[in-house]
Amino acid sequence: MKTVTVRVPSEIRRTLQQLAIESQQSMQSVLAKAVEEYKRNWILQRTNEAYAALRGQPDFWEEEQEERHAWETTLADDLEDDR
């Protein structure tokens, strides 16, 4: 795996090092997990903002609700899972 150097404040490095020690993982692993968690939270936040904006437009929100209802009815279509 190719690596690069990233500059972080000393306090962040100390925190990262302490987390690595306590979790018995490498600092790289702890940092990778932290970035992945941040990315997931960012995506959820943006999704929530998009839904809030959609709810602010009654016509579009009603259309979304109708589409969601249509998809929910397919859950009870008695078709077997093909997996």
PDB file of N, CA and C in Angstrom:
ATOM      1  N   MET A   1       0.848  -1.176   0.000  1.00  0.00           N
ATOM      2  CA  MET A   1       0.000   0.000   0.000  1.00  0.00           C
ATOM      3  C   MET A   1       0.893   1.238   0.000  1.00  0.00           C
ATOM      4  N   LYS A   2       0.591   2.158  -0.886  1.00  0.00           N
ATOM      5  CA  LYS A   2       1.335   3.402  -0.956  1.00  0.00           C
ATOM      6  C   LYS A   2       0.916   4.294   0.213  1.00  0.00           C
ATOM      7  N   THR A   3       1.855   4.987   0.807  1.00  0.00           N
ATOM      8  CA  THR A   3       1.545   5.878   1.925  1.00  0.00           C
ATOM      9  C   THR A   3       2.050   7.279   1.636  1.00  0.00           C
ATOM     10  N   VAL A   4       1.492   8.228   2.371  1.00  0.00           N
ATOM     11  CA  VAL A   4       1.926   9.623   2.298  1.00  0.00           C
ATOM     12  C   VAL A   4       2.018  10.169   3.717  1.00  0.00           C
ATOM     13  N   THR A   5       2.678  11.269   3.862  1.00  0.00           N
ATOM     14  CA  THR A   5       2.799  11.920   5.164  1.00  0.00           C
ATOM     15  C   THR A   5       1.756  13.023   5.267  1.00  0.00           C
ATOM     16  N   VAL A   6       1.068  13.070   6.398  1.00  0.00           N
ATOM     17  CA  VAL A   6       0.071  14.109   6.656  1.00  0.00           C
ATOM     18  C   VAL A   6       0.470  14.821   7.932  1.00  0.00           C
ATOM     19  N   ARG A   7       0.505  16.111   7.896  1.00  0.00           N
ATOM     20  CA  ARG A   7       0.859  16.884   9.083  1.00  0.00           C
ATOM     21  C   ARG A   7      -0.386  17.100   9.944  1.00  0.00           C
ATOM     22  N   VAL A   8      -0.272  16.785  11.220  1.00  0.00           N
ATOM     23  CA  VAL A   8      -1.355  17.021  12.172  1.00  0.00           C
ATOM     24  C   VAL A   8      -0.756  17.701  13.405  1.00  0.00           C
ATOM     25  N   PRO A   9      -1.571  18.449  14.129  1.00  0.00           N
ATOM     26  CA  PRO A   9      -1.069  19.064  15.357  1.00  0.00           C
ATOM     27  C   PRO A   9      -0.595  17.993  16.351  1.00  0.00           C
ATOM     28  N   SER A  10       0.365  18.357  17.172  1.00  0.00           N
ATOM     29  CA  SER A  10       0.945  17.427  18.148  1.00  0.00           C
ATOM     30  C   SER A  10      -0.128  16.810  19.044  1.00  0.00           C
ATOM     31  N   GLU A  11      -1.109  17.596  19.433  1.00  0.00           N
ATOM     32  CA  GLU A  11      -2.174  17.094  20.303  1.00  0.00           C
ATOM     33  C   GLU A  11      -2.949  15.961  19.617  1.00  0.00           C
ATOM     34  N   ILE A  12      -3.219  16.114  18.340  1.00  0.00           N
ATOM     35  CA  ILE A  12      -3.927  15.073  17.586  1.00  0.00           C
ATOM     36  C   ILE A  12      -3.064  13.820  17.507  1.00  0.00           C
ATOM     37  N   ARG A  13      -1.772  13.987  17.272  1.00  0.00           N
ATOM     38  CA  ARG A  13      -0.882  12.830  17.210  1.00  0.00           C
ATOM     39  C   ARG A  13      -0.851  12.096  18.541  1.00  0.00           C
ATOM     40  N   ARG A  14      -0.805  12.838  19.649  1.00  0.00           N
ATOM     41  CA  ARG A  14      -0.810  12.197  20.976  1.00  0.00           C
ATOM     42  C   ARG A  14      -2.107  11.430  21.203  1.00  0.00           C
ATOM     43  N   THR A  15      -3.218  12.027  20.816  1.00  0.00           N
ATOM     44  CA  THR A  15      -4.512  11.347  20.946  1.00  0.00           C
ATOM     45  C   THR A  15      -4.549  10.093  20.091  1.00  0.00           C
ATOM     46  N   LEU A  16      -4.086  10.206  18.874  1.00  0.00           N
ATOM     47  CA  LEU A  16      -4.041   9.061  17.967  1.00  0.00           C
ATOM     48  C   LEU A  16      -3.159   7.951  18.534  1.00  0.00           C
ATOM     49  N   GLN A  17      -2.017   8.335  19.066  1.00  0.00           N
ATOM     50  CA  GLN A  17      -1.101   7.356  19.647  1.00  0.00           C
ATOM     51  C   GLN A  17      -1.734   6.669  20.852  1.00  0.00           C
ATOM     52  N   GLN A  18      -2.412   7.430  21.704  1.00  0.00           N
ATOM     53  CA  GLN A  18      -3.054   6.856  22.886  1.00  0.00           C
ATOM     54  C   GLN A  18      -4.187   5.904  22.489  1.00  0.00           C
ATOM     55  N   LEU A  19      -4.974   6.297  21.515  1.00  0.00           N
ATOM     56  CA  LEU A  19      -6.044   5.414  21.034  1.00  0.00           C
ATOM     57  C   LEU A  19      -5.472   4.120  20.456  1.00  0.00           C
ATOM     58  N   ALA A  20      -4.374   4.241  19.745  1.00  0.00           N
ATOM     59  CA  ALA A  20      -3.737   3.053  19.170  1.00  0.00           C
ATOM     60  C   ALA A  20      -3.245   2.119  20.272  1.00  0.00           C
ATOM     61  N   ILE A  21      -2.650   2.667  21.289  1.00  0.00           N
ATOM     62  CA  ILE A  21      -2.161   1.851  22.404  1.00  0.00           C
ATOM     63  C   ILE A  21      -3.322   1.159  23.098  1.00  0.00           C
ATOM     64  N   GLU A  22      -4.348   1.923  23.428  1.00  0.00           N
ATOM     65  CA  GLU A  22      -5.488   1.382  24.167  1.00  0.00           C
ATOM     66  C   GLU A  22      -6.264   0.335  23.362  1.00  0.00           C
ATOM     67  N   SER A  23      -6.335   0.516  22.058  1.00  0.00           N
ATOM     68  CA  SER A  23      -7.089  -0.431  21.231  1.00  0.00           C
ATOM     69  C   SER A  23      -6.207  -1.538  20.658  1.00  0.00           C
ATOM     70  N   GLN A  24      -4.926  -1.456  20.926  1.00  0.00           N
ATOM     71  CA  GLN A  24      -3.951  -2.432  20.424  1.00  0.00           C
ATOM     72  C   GLN A  24      -3.994  -2.536  18.902  1.00  0.00           C
ATOM     73  N   GLN A  25      -4.044  -1.372  18.281  1.00  0.00           N
ATOM     74  CA  GLN A  25      -4.033  -1.271  16.822  1.00  0.00           C
ATOM     75  C   GLN A  25      -2.936  -0.287  16.425  1.00  0.00           C
ATOM     76  N   SER A  26      -2.616  -0.291  15.154  1.00  0.00           N
ATOM     77  CA  SER A  26      -1.638   0.689  14.676  1.00  0.00           C
ATOM     78  C   SER A  26      -2.298   2.065  14.586  1.00  0.00           C
ATOM     79  N   MET A  27      -1.472   3.099  14.620  1.00  0.00           N
ATOM     80  CA  MET A  27      -2.010   4.450  14.459  1.00  0.00           C
ATOM     81  C   MET A  27      -2.656   4.595  13.083  1.00  0.00           C
ATOM     82  N   GLN A  28      -2.087   3.941  12.073  1.00  0.00           N
ATOM     83  CA  GLN A  28      -2.657   4.005  10.735  1.00  0.00           C
ATOM     84  C   GLN A  28      -4.061   3.397  10.713  1.00  0.00           C
ATOM     85  N   SER A  29      -4.227   2.287  11.419  1.00  0.00           N
ATOM     86  CA  SER A  29      -5.537   1.633  11.465  1.00  0.00           C
ATOM     87  C   SER A  29      -6.560   2.509  12.184  1.00  0.00           C
ATOM     88  N   VAL A  30      -6.167   3.080  13.297  1.00  0.00           N
ATOM     89  CA  VAL A  30      -7.072   3.958  14.055  1.00  0.00           C
ATOM     90  C   VAL A  30      -7.452   5.166  13.202  1.00  0.00           C
ATOM     91  N   LEU A  31      -6.481   5.744  12.520  1.00  0.00           N
ATOM     92  CA  LEU A  31      -6.753   6.904  11.677  1.00  0.00           C
ATOM     93  C   LEU A  31      -7.667   6.535  10.512  1.00  0.00           C
ATOM     94  N   ALA A  32      -7.420   5.388   9.889  1.00  0.00           N
ATOM     95  CA  ALA A  32      -8.264   4.950   8.772  1.00  0.00           C
ATOM     96  C   ALA A  32      -9.702   4.755   9.230  1.00  0.00           C
ATOM     97  N   LYS A  33      -9.894   4.155  10.400  1.00  0.00           N
ATOM     98  CA  LYS A  33     -11.241   3.950  10.928  1.00  0.00           C
ATOM     99  C   LYS A  33     -11.904   5.280  11.268  1.00  0.00           C
ATOM    100  N   ALA A  34     -11.147   6.209  11.792  1.00  0.00           N
ATOM    101  CA  ALA A  34     -11.692   7.527  12.133  1.00  0.00           C
ATOM    102  C   ALA A  34     -12.142   8.263  10.867  1.00  0.00           C
ATOM    103  N   VAL A  35     -11.347   8.185   9.823  1.00  0.00           N
ATOM    104  CA  VAL A  35     -11.707   8.853   8.565  1.00  0.00           C
ATOM    105  C   VAL A  35     -12.946   8.202   7.955  1.00  0.00           C
ATOM    106  N   GLU A  36     -13.007   6.878   7.990  1.00  0.00           N
ATOM    107  CA  GLU A  36     -14.178   6.172   7.462  1.00  0.00           C
ATOM    108  C   GLU A  36     -15.439   6.554   8.238  1.00  0.00           C
ATOM    109  N   GLU A  37     -15.335   6.620   9.558  1.00  0.00           N
ATOM    110  CA  GLU A  37     -16.476   7.022  10.400  1.00  0.00           C
ATOM    111  C   GLU A  37     -16.904   8.456  10.079  1.00  0.00           C
ATOM    112  N   TYR A  38     -15.932   9.342   9.912  1.00  0.00           N
ATOM    113  CA  TYR A  38     -16.230  10.726   9.561  1.00  0.00           C
ATOM    114  C   TYR A  38     -16.950  10.789   8.214  1.00  0.00           C
ATOM    115  N   LYS A  39     -16.463  10.012   7.239  1.00  0.00           N
ATOM    116  CA  LYS A  39     -17.084   9.992   5.913  1.00  0.00           C
ATOM    117  C   LYS A  39     -18.529   9.521   5.994  1.00  0.00           C
ATOM    118  N   ARG A  40     -18.777   8.458   6.745  1.00  0.00           N
ATOM    119  CA  ARG A  40     -20.145   7.946   6.891  1.00  0.00           C
ATOM    120  C   ARG A  40     -21.056   8.977   7.546  1.00  0.00           C
ATOM    121  N   ASN A  41     -20.567   9.624   8.592  1.00  0.00           N
ATOM    122  CA  ASN A  41     -21.358  10.663   9.260  1.00  0.00           C
ATOM    123  C   ASN A  41     -21.634  11.831   8.331  1.00  0.00           C
ATOM    124  N   TRP A  42     -20.653  12.204   7.533  1.00  0.00           N
ATOM    125  CA  TRP A  42     -20.814  13.311   6.589  1.00  0.00           C
ATOM    126  C   TRP A  42     -21.881  12.972   5.561  1.00  0.00           C
ATOM    127  N   ILE A  43     -21.845  11.741   5.044  1.00  0.00           N
ATOM    128  CA  ILE A  43     -22.852  11.310   4.071  1.00  0.00           C
ATOM    129  C   ILE A  43     -24.242  11.331   4.700  1.00  0.00           C
ATOM    130  N   LEU A  44     -24.385  10.827   5.910  1.00  0.00           N
ATOM    131  CA  LEU A  44     -25.686  10.842   6.589  1.00  0.00           C
ATOM    132  C   LEU A  44     -26.174  12.260   6.830  1.00  0.00           C
ATOM    133  N   GLN A  45     -25.274  13.137   7.223  1.00  0.00           N
ATOM    134  CA  GLN A  45     -25.647  14.536   7.451  1.00  0.00           C
ATOM    135  C   GLN A  45     -26.148  15.178   6.161  1.00  0.00           C
ATOM    136  N   ARG A  46     -25.435  14.955   5.074  1.00  0.00           N
ATOM    137  CA  ARG A  46     -25.851  15.519   3.785  1.00  0.00           C
ATOM    138  C   ARG A  46     -27.186  14.931   3.334  1.00  0.00           C
ATOM    139  N   THR A  47     -27.383  13.640   3.573  1.00  0.00           N
ATOM    140  CA  THR A  47     -28.652  12.996   3.223  1.00  0.00           C
ATOM    141  C   THR A  47     -29.793  13.596   4.026  1.00  0.00           C
ATOM    142  N   ASN A  48     -29.574  13.780   5.324  1.00  0.00           N
ATOM    143  CA  ASN A  48     -30.594  14.401   6.174  1.00  0.00           C
ATOM    144  C   ASN A  48     -30.918  15.814   5.708  1.00  0.00           C
ATOM    145  N   GLU A  49     -29.906  16.563   5.321  1.00  0.00           N
ATOM    146  CA  GLU A  49     -30.135  17.919   4.815  1.00  0.00           C
ATOM    147  C   GLU A  49     -30.949  17.891   3.523  1.00  0.00           C
ATOM    148  N   ALA A  50     -30.659  16.930   2.663  1.00  0.00           N
ATOM    149  CA  ALA A  50     -31.396  16.820   1.397  1.00  0.00           C
ATOM    150  C   ALA A  50     -32.858  16.474   1.653  1.00  0.00           C
ATOM    151  N   TYR A  51     -33.096  15.554   2.589  1.00  0.00           N
ATOM    152  CA  TYR A  51     -34.482  15.211   2.912  1.00  0.00           C
ATOM    153  C   TYR A  51     -35.206  16.389   3.562  1.00  0.00           C
ATOM    154  N   ALA A  52     -34.514  17.149   4.391  1.00  0.00           N
ATOM    155  CA  ALA A  52     -35.131  18.324   5.006  1.00  0.00           C
ATOM    156  C   ALA A  52     -35.519  19.337   3.928  1.00  0.00           C
ATOM    157  N   ALA A  53     -34.654  19.521   2.952  1.00  0.00           N
ATOM    158  CA  ALA A  53     -34.967  20.442   1.851  1.00  0.00           C
ATOM    159  C   ALA A  53     -36.147  19.917   1.039  1.00  0.00           C
ATOM    160  N   LEU A  54     -36.180  18.613   0.827  1.00  0.00           N
ATOM    161  CA  LEU A  54     -37.291  18.011   0.087  1.00  0.00           C
ATOM    162  C   LEU A  54     -38.609  18.179   0.838  1.00  0.00           C
ATOM    163  N   ARG A  55     -38.569  17.982   2.152  1.00  0.00           N
ATOM    164  CA  ARG A  55     -39.792  18.162   2.960  1.00  0.00           C
ATOM    165  C   ARG A  55     -40.282  19.601   2.916  1.00  0.00           C
ATOM    166  N   GLY A  56     -39.388  20.523   2.646  1.00  0.00           N
ATOM    167  CA  GLY A  56     -39.764  21.932   2.544  1.00  0.00           C
ATOM    168  C   GLY A  56     -40.477  22.269   1.244  1.00  0.00           C
ATOM    169  N   GLN A  57     -40.589  21.291   0.344  1.00  0.00           N
ATOM    170  CA  GLN A  57     -41.281  21.484  -0.930  1.00  0.00           C
ATOM    171  C   GLN A  57     -42.428  20.472  -0.990  1.00  0.00           C
ATOM    172  N   PRO A  58     -43.603  20.845  -0.500  1.00  0.00           N
ATOM    173  CA  PRO A  58     -44.710  19.906  -0.320  1.00  0.00           C
ATOM    174  C   PRO A  58     -45.041  19.038  -1.529  1.00  0.00           C
ATOM    175  N   ASP A  59     -45.019  19.607  -2.736  1.00  0.00           N
ATOM    176  CA  ASP A  59     -45.356  18.804  -3.921  1.00  0.00           C
ATOM    177  C   ASP A  59     -44.339  17.686  -4.142  1.00  0.00           C
ATOM    178  N   PHE A  60     -43.074  18.031  -4.032  1.00  0.00           N
ATOM    179  CA  PHE A  60     -42.027  17.028  -4.223  1.00  0.00           C
ATOM    180  C   PHE A  60     -42.017  16.009  -3.087  1.00  0.00           C
ATOM    181  N   TRP A  61     -42.276  16.477  -1.860  1.00  0.00           N
ATOM    182  CA  TRP A  61     -42.299  15.558  -0.716  1.00  0.00           C
ATOM    183  C   TRP A  61     -43.445  14.555  -0.863  1.00  0.00           C
ATOM    184  N   GLU A  62     -44.607  15.028  -1.320  1.00  0.00           N
ATOM    185  CA  GLU A  62     -45.746  14.128  -1.523  1.00  0.00           C
ATOM    186  C   GLU A  62     -45.405  13.085  -2.594  1.00  0.00           C
ATOM    187  N   GLU A  63     -44.755  13.516  -3.660  1.00  0.00           N
ATOM    188  CA  GLU A  63     -44.344  12.592  -4.714  1.00  0.00           C
ATOM    189  C   GLU A  63     -43.368  11.542  -4.171  1.00  0.00           C
ATOM    190  N   GLU A  64     -42.448  11.959  -3.339  1.00  0.00           N
ATOM    191  CA  GLU A  64     -41.487  11.021  -2.741  1.00  0.00           C
ATOM    192  C   GLU A  64     -42.203  10.012  -1.851  1.00  0.00           C
ATOM    193  N   GLN A  65     -43.169  10.489  -1.074  1.00  0.00           N
ATOM    194  CA  GLN A  65     -43.926   9.602  -0.193  1.00  0.00           C
ATOM    195  C   GLN A  65     -44.740   8.582  -0.995  1.00  0.00           C
ATOM    196  N   GLU A  66     -45.325   9.026  -2.097  1.00  0.00           N
ATOM    197  CA  GLU A  66     -46.078   8.110  -2.960  1.00  0.00           C
ATOM    198  C   GLU A  66     -45.166   7.047  -3.552  1.00  0.00           C
ATOM    199  N   GLU A  67     -43.992   7.448  -3.990  1.00  0.00           N
ATOM    200  CA  GLU A  67     -43.037   6.489  -4.551  1.00  0.00           C
ATOM    201  C   GLU A  67     -42.574   5.499  -3.481  1.00  0.00           C
ATOM    202  N   ARG A  68     -42.304   6.003  -2.290  1.00  0.00           N
ATOM    203  CA  ARG A  68     -41.901   5.124  -1.189  1.00  0.00           C
ATOM    204  C   ARG A  68     -42.995   4.101  -0.886  1.00  0.00           C
ATOM    205  N   HIS A  69     -44.242   4.558  -0.873  1.00  0.00           N
ATOM    206  CA  HIS A  69     -45.369   3.652  -0.619  1.00  0.00           C
ATOM    207  C   HIS A  69     -45.451   2.577  -1.708  1.00  0.00           C
ATOM    208  N   ALA A  70     -45.241   2.976  -2.953  1.00  0.00           N
ATOM    209  CA  ALA A  70     -45.274   2.015  -4.057  1.00  0.00           C
ATOM    210  C   ALA A  70     -44.194   0.952  -3.882  1.00  0.00           C
ATOM    211  N   TRP A  71     -43.012   1.339  -3.468  1.00  0.00           N
ATOM    212  CA  TRP A  71     -41.934   0.371  -3.254  1.00  0.00           C
ATOM    213  C   TRP A  71     -42.221  -0.529  -2.059  1.00  0.00           C
ATOM    214  N   GLU A  72     -42.844   0.024  -1.021  1.00  0.00           N
ATOM    215  CA  GLU A  72     -43.147  -0.787   0.164  1.00  0.00           C
ATOM    216  C   GLU A  72     -44.115  -1.912  -0.150  1.00  0.00           C
ATOM    217  N   THR A  73     -45.012  -1.704  -1.100  1.00  0.00           N
ATOM    218  CA  THR A  73     -45.964  -2.758  -1.446  1.00  0.00           C
ATOM    219  C   THR A  73     -45.276  -3.941  -2.115  1.00  0.00           C
ATOM    220  N   THR A  74     -44.107  -3.730  -2.707  1.00  0.00           N
ATOM    221  CA  THR A  74     -43.397  -4.841  -3.341  1.00  0.00           C
ATOM    222  C   THR A  74     -42.814  -5.798  -2.318  1.00  0.00           C
ATOM    223  N   LEU A  75     -42.712  -5.379  -1.081  1.00  0.00           N
ATOM    224  CA  LEU A  75     -42.179  -6.259  -0.037  1.00  0.00           C
ATOM    225  C   LEU A  75     -43.124  -7.418   0.246  1.00  0.00           C
ATOM    226  N   ALA A  76     -44.384  -7.242  -0.061  1.00  0.00           N
ATOM    227  CA  ALA A  76     -45.381  -8.281   0.224  1.00  0.00           C
ATOM    228  C   ALA A  76     -45.880  -8.939  -1.063  1.00  0.00           C
ATOM    229  N   ASP A  77     -45.029  -9.026  -2.069  1.00  0.00           N
ATOM    230  CA  ASP A  77     -45.483  -9.571  -3.352  1.00  0.00           C
ATOM    231  C   ASP A  77     -45.402 -11.092  -3.434  1.00  0.00           C
ATOM    232  N   ASP A  78     -45.022 -11.748  -2.345  1.00  0.00           N
ATOM    233  CA  ASP A  78     -44.974 -13.220  -2.252  1.00  0.00           C
ATOM    234  C   ASP A  78     -43.969 -13.850  -3.207  1.00  0.00           C
ATOM    235  N   LEU A  79     -43.022 -13.084  -3.719  1.00  0.00           N
ATOM    236  CA  LEU A  79     -41.989 -13.656  -4.565  1.00  0.00           C
ATOM    237  C   LEU A  79     -40.831 -14.131  -3.685  1.00  0.00           C
ATOM    238  N   GLU A  80     -40.274 -15.262  -4.047  1.00  0.00           N
ATOM    239  CA  GLU A  80     -39.160 -15.822  -3.295  1.00  0.00           C
ATOM    240  C   GLU A  80     -37.875 -15.071  -3.666  1.00  0.00           C
ATOM    241  N   ASP A  81     -36.973 -15.027  -2.714  1.00  0.00           N
ATOM    242  CA  ASP A  81     -35.659 -14.436  -2.948  1.00  0.00           C
ATOM    243  C   ASP A  81     -34.867 -15.365  -3.865  1.00  0.00           C
ATOM    244  N   ASP A  82     -34.317 -14.855  -4.947  1.00  0.00           N
ATOM    245  CA  ASP A  82     -33.604 -15.679  -5.933  1.00  0.00           C
ATOM    246  C   ASP A  82     -32.146 -15.937  -5.577  1.00  0.00           C
ATOM    247  N   ARG A  83     -31.712 -15.541  -4.425  1.00  0.00           N
ATOM    248  CA  ARG A  83     -30.294 -15.738  -4.064  1.00  0.00           C
ATOM    249  C   ARG A  83     -29.988 -17.133  -3.796  1.00  0.00           C
TER     250      ARG A  83
END
